[in-house]
Every structure is written in C-alpha cells, then in structure tokens.
C-alpha cells in the first residue's frame, strides 16, 4: 500500500512539468523522500 501511494503522489510533480502543446519530454528529476514512523518491509507488499 505504501509503495503504491508513494508512486501515485510522486506523479503529480511529473505531470505538472508537462506543457500544453508540443511537449519535448525533457523532464526535471523528481525525488521522493519518505520519513516513516514504521519499519518498511518490502516482503509484505
């Protein structure tokens, strides 16, 4: 669940970089920094 929601929310800054009209697909990097108050276990996902 955490990974899916993280990917969902990090797409907003990517989408905001898209210009209307001729888009050249040159995107600035987008980074996700997550500060968790629980231990993240990839095996559970």
PDB file of N, CA and C in Angstrom:
ATOM      1  N   UNK A   1       0.816  -1.190   0.000  1.00  0.00           N
ATOM      2  CA  UNK A   1       0.000   0.000   0.000  1.00  0.00           C
ATOM      3  C   UNK A   1       0.860   1.254   0.000  1.00  0.00           C
ATOM      4  N   UNK A   2       1.894   1.279   0.836  1.00  0.00           N
ATOM      5  CA  UNK A   2       2.748   2.465   0.919  1.00  0.00           C
ATOM      6  C   UNK A   2       3.426   2.753  -0.413  1.00  0.00           C
ATOM      7  N   UNK A   3       3.957   1.744  -1.036  1.00  0.00           N
ATOM      8  CA  UNK A   3       4.654   1.951  -2.308  1.00  0.00           C
ATOM      9  C   UNK A   3       3.697   2.448  -3.388  1.00  0.00           C
ATOM     10  N   UNK A   4       2.522   1.883  -3.465  1.00  0.00           N
ATOM     11  CA  UNK A   4       1.537   2.321  -4.460  1.00  0.00           C
ATOM     12  C   UNK A   4       1.139   3.775  -4.250  1.00  0.00           C
ATOM     13  N   UNK A   5       0.894   4.159  -3.006  1.00  0.00           N
ATOM     14  CA  UNK A   5       0.505   5.546  -2.722  1.00  0.00           C
ATOM     15  C   UNK A   5       1.668   6.493  -2.992  1.00  0.00           C
ATOM     16  N   UNK A   6       2.878   6.067  -2.698  1.00  0.00           N
ATOM     17  CA  UNK A   6       4.045   6.915  -2.951  1.00  0.00           C
ATOM     18  C   UNK A   6       4.202   7.191  -4.436  1.00  0.00           C
ATOM     19  N   UNK A   7       4.070   6.166  -5.248  1.00  0.00           N
ATOM     20  CA  UNK A   7       4.168   6.343  -6.697  1.00  0.00           C
ATOM     21  C   UNK A   7       3.052   7.256  -7.190  1.00  0.00           C
ATOM     22  N   UNK A   8       1.860   7.086  -6.662  1.00  0.00           N
ATOM     23  CA  UNK A   8       0.733   7.931  -7.057  1.00  0.00           C
ATOM     24  C   UNK A   8       1.025   9.398  -6.768  1.00  0.00           C
ATOM     25  N   UNK A   9       1.487   9.705  -5.564  1.00  0.00           N
ATOM     26  CA  UNK A   9       1.705  11.100  -5.194  1.00  0.00           C
ATOM     27  C   UNK A   9       2.919  11.711  -5.883  1.00  0.00           C
ATOM     28  N   UNK A  10       3.925  10.917  -6.190  1.00  0.00           N
ATOM     29  CA  UNK A  10       5.109  11.468  -6.841  1.00  0.00           C
ATOM     30  C   UNK A  10       4.853  11.760  -8.323  1.00  0.00           C
ATOM     31  N   UNK A  11       3.774  11.241  -8.881  1.00  0.00           N
ATOM     32  CA  UNK A  11       3.461  11.547 -10.279  1.00  0.00           C
ATOM     33  C   UNK A  11       2.929  12.959 -10.471  1.00  0.00           C
ATOM     34  N   UNK A  12       2.427  13.598  -9.424  1.00  0.00           N
ATOM     35  CA  UNK A  12       1.886  14.953  -9.573  1.00  0.00           C
ATOM     36  C   UNK A  12       2.939  15.965 -10.020  1.00  0.00           C
ATOM     37  N   UNK A  13       4.138  16.009  -9.409  1.00  0.00           N
ATOM     38  CA  UNK A  13       5.144  16.953  -9.910  1.00  0.00           C
ATOM     39  C   UNK A  13       5.614  16.616 -11.325  1.00  0.00           C
ATOM     40  N   UNK A  14       5.587  15.341 -11.689  1.00  0.00           N
ATOM     41  CA  UNK A  14       5.954  14.958 -13.053  1.00  0.00           C
ATOM     42  C   UNK A  14       4.904  15.468 -14.024  1.00  0.00           C
ATOM     43  N   UNK A  15       3.659  15.263 -13.688  1.00  0.00           N
ATOM     44  CA  UNK A  15       2.565  15.712 -14.547  1.00  0.00           C
ATOM     45  C   UNK A  15       2.554  17.233 -14.682  1.00  0.00           C
ATOM     46  N   UNK A  16       2.880  17.940 -13.619  1.00  0.00           N
ATOM     47  CA  UNK A  16       2.880  19.403 -13.662  1.00  0.00           C
ATOM     48  C   UNK A  16       3.961  19.960 -14.580  1.00  0.00           C
ATOM     49  N   UNK A  17       4.973  19.171 -14.901  1.00  0.00           N
ATOM     50  CA  UNK A  17       6.022  19.627 -15.812  1.00  0.00           C
ATOM     51  C   UNK A  17       5.578  19.599 -17.272  1.00  0.00           C
ATOM     52  N   UNK A  18       4.524  18.883 -17.564  1.00  0.00           N
ATOM     53  CA  UNK A  18       4.052  18.759 -18.948  1.00  0.00           C
ATOM     54  C   UNK A  18       3.437  20.075 -19.401  1.00  0.00           C
ATOM     55  N   UNK A  19       3.882  20.554 -20.537  1.00  0.00           N
ATOM     56  CA  UNK A  19       3.354  21.787 -21.102  1.00  0.00           C
ATOM     57  C   UNK A  19       2.304  21.443 -22.142  1.00  0.00           C
ATOM     58  N   UNK A  20       1.308  22.289 -22.230  1.00  0.00           N
ATOM     59  CA  UNK A  20       0.268  22.090 -23.233  1.00  0.00           C
ATOM     60  C   UNK A  20       0.864  22.370 -24.604  1.00  0.00           C
ATOM     61  N   UNK A  21       0.547  21.526 -25.570  1.00  0.00           N
ATOM     62  CA  UNK A  21       1.068  21.711 -26.927  1.00  0.00           C
ATOM     63  C   UNK A  21       2.193  20.741 -27.212  1.00  0.00           C
ATOM     64  N   UNK A  22       3.212  21.216 -27.905  1.00  0.00           N
ATOM     65  CA  UNK A  22       4.359  20.375 -28.257  1.00  0.00           C
ATOM     66  C   UNK A  22       5.226  20.152 -27.027  1.00  0.00           C
ATOM     67  N   UNK A  23       5.212  18.937 -26.555  1.00  0.00           N
ATOM     68  CA  UNK A  23       5.958  18.591 -25.354  1.00  0.00           C
ATOM     69  C   UNK A  23       7.174  17.785 -25.761  1.00  0.00           C
ATOM     70  N   UNK A  24       8.350  18.179 -25.276  1.00  0.00           N
ATOM     71  CA  UNK A  24       9.585  17.538 -25.713  1.00  0.00           C
ATOM     72  C   UNK A  24      10.074  16.441 -24.763  1.00  0.00           C
ATOM     73  N   UNK A  25       9.339  16.124 -23.733  1.00  0.00           N
ATOM     74  CA  UNK A  25       9.656  15.033 -22.810  1.00  0.00           C
ATOM     75  C   UNK A  25      10.978  15.216 -22.080  1.00  0.00           C
ATOM     76  N   UNK A  26      11.461  16.434 -21.955  1.00  0.00           N
ATOM     77  CA  UNK A  26      12.660  16.686 -21.155  1.00  0.00           C
ATOM     78  C   UNK A  26      12.197  17.087 -19.756  1.00  0.00           C
ATOM     79  N   UNK A  27      12.219  16.127 -18.860  1.00  0.00           N
ATOM     80  CA  UNK A  27      11.707  16.339 -17.516  1.00  0.00           C
ATOM     81  C   UNK A  27      12.836  16.574 -16.529  1.00  0.00           C
ATOM     82  N   UNK A  28      12.564  17.409 -15.548  1.00  0.00           N
ATOM     83  CA  UNK A  28      13.481  17.566 -14.432  1.00  0.00           C
ATOM     84  C   UNK A  28      13.317  16.360 -13.511  1.00  0.00           C
ATOM     85  N   UNK A  29      14.373  15.991 -12.804  1.00  0.00           N
ATOM     86  CA  UNK A  29      14.258  14.858 -11.886  1.00  0.00           C
ATOM     87  C   UNK A  29      13.254  15.151 -10.774  1.00  0.00           C
ATOM     88  N   UNK A  30      12.576  14.122 -10.336  1.00  0.00           N
ATOM     89  CA  UNK A  30      11.648  14.210  -9.209  1.00  0.00           C
ATOM     90  C   UNK A  30      12.089  13.162  -8.197  1.00  0.00           C
ATOM     91  N   UNK A  31      12.272  13.587  -6.961  1.00  0.00           N
ATOM     92  CA  UNK A  31      12.739  12.691  -5.908  1.00  0.00           C
ATOM     93  C   UNK A  31      11.658  12.538  -4.849  1.00  0.00           C
ATOM     94  N   UNK A  32      11.588  11.365  -4.283  1.00  0.00           N
ATOM     95  CA  UNK A  32      10.685  11.090  -3.173  1.00  0.00           C
ATOM     96  C   UNK A  32      11.527  10.797  -1.946  1.00  0.00           C
ATOM     97  N   UNK A  33      11.310  11.565  -0.908  1.00  0.00           N
ATOM     98  CA  UNK A  33      11.949  11.310   0.382  1.00  0.00           C
ATOM     99  C   UNK A  33      10.830  11.008   1.363  1.00  0.00           C
ATOM    100  N   UNK A  34      10.831   9.813   1.888  1.00  0.00           N
ATOM    101  CA  UNK A  34       9.773   9.393   2.806  1.00  0.00           C
ATOM    102  C   UNK A  34      10.362   9.198   4.195  1.00  0.00           C
ATOM    103  N   UNK A  35       9.791   9.877   5.153  1.00  0.00           N
ATOM    104  CA  UNK A  35      10.181   9.710   6.554  1.00  0.00           C
ATOM    105  C   UNK A  35       9.069   8.911   7.223  1.00  0.00           C
ATOM    106  N   UNK A  36       9.415   7.728   7.649  1.00  0.00           N
ATOM    107  CA  UNK A  36       8.411   6.794   8.159  1.00  0.00           C
ATOM    108  C   UNK A  36       8.536   6.636   9.667  1.00  0.00           C
ATOM    109  N   UNK A  37       7.422   6.384  10.296  1.00  0.00           N
ATOM    110  CA  UNK A  37       7.461   6.058  11.721  1.00  0.00           C
ATOM    111  C   UNK A  37       7.147   4.577  11.924  1.00  0.00           C
ATOM    112  N   UNK A  38       7.498   3.789  10.913  1.00  0.00           N
ATOM    113  CA  UNK A  38       7.353   2.341  10.988  1.00  0.00           C
ATOM    114  C   UNK A  38       8.431   1.715  10.121  1.00  0.00           C
ATOM    115  N   UNK A  39       8.709   0.451  10.345  1.00  0.00           N
ATOM    116  CA  UNK A  39       9.710  -0.267   9.564  1.00  0.00           C
ATOM    117  C   UNK A  39       9.066  -0.744   8.272  1.00  0.00           C
ATOM    118  N   UNK A  40       9.651  -0.357   7.159  1.00  0.00           N
ATOM    119  CA  UNK A  40       9.120  -0.734   5.849  1.00  0.00           C
ATOM    120  C   UNK A  40       9.686  -2.084   5.445  1.00  0.00           C
ATOM    121  N   UNK A  41       8.803  -3.017   5.152  1.00  0.00           N
ATOM    122  CA  UNK A  41       9.207  -4.363   4.764  1.00  0.00           C
ATOM    123  C   UNK A  41       8.667  -4.644   3.366  1.00  0.00           C
ATOM    124  N   UNK A  42       9.561  -4.722   2.384  1.00  0.00           N
ATOM    125  CA  UNK A  42       9.137  -4.954   1.003  1.00  0.00           C
ATOM    126  C   UNK A  42       8.476  -6.318   0.829  1.00  0.00           C
ATOM    127  N   UNK A  43       8.806  -7.269   1.652  1.00  0.00           N
ATOM    128  CA  UNK A  43       8.243  -8.612   1.523  1.00  0.00           C
ATOM    129  C   UNK A  43       6.740  -8.621   1.770  1.00  0.00           C
ATOM    130  N   UNK A  44       6.241  -7.672   2.536  1.00  0.00           N
ATOM    131  CA  UNK A  44       4.810  -7.629   2.831  1.00  0.00           C
ATOM    132  C   UNK A  44       3.995  -7.123   1.651  1.00  0.00           C
ATOM    133  N   UNK A  45       4.638  -6.449   0.713  1.00  0.00           N
ATOM    134  CA  UNK A  45       3.890  -5.895  -0.420  1.00  0.00           C
ATOM    135  C   UNK A  45       3.833  -6.850  -1.556  1.00  0.00           C
TER     136      UNK A  45
END
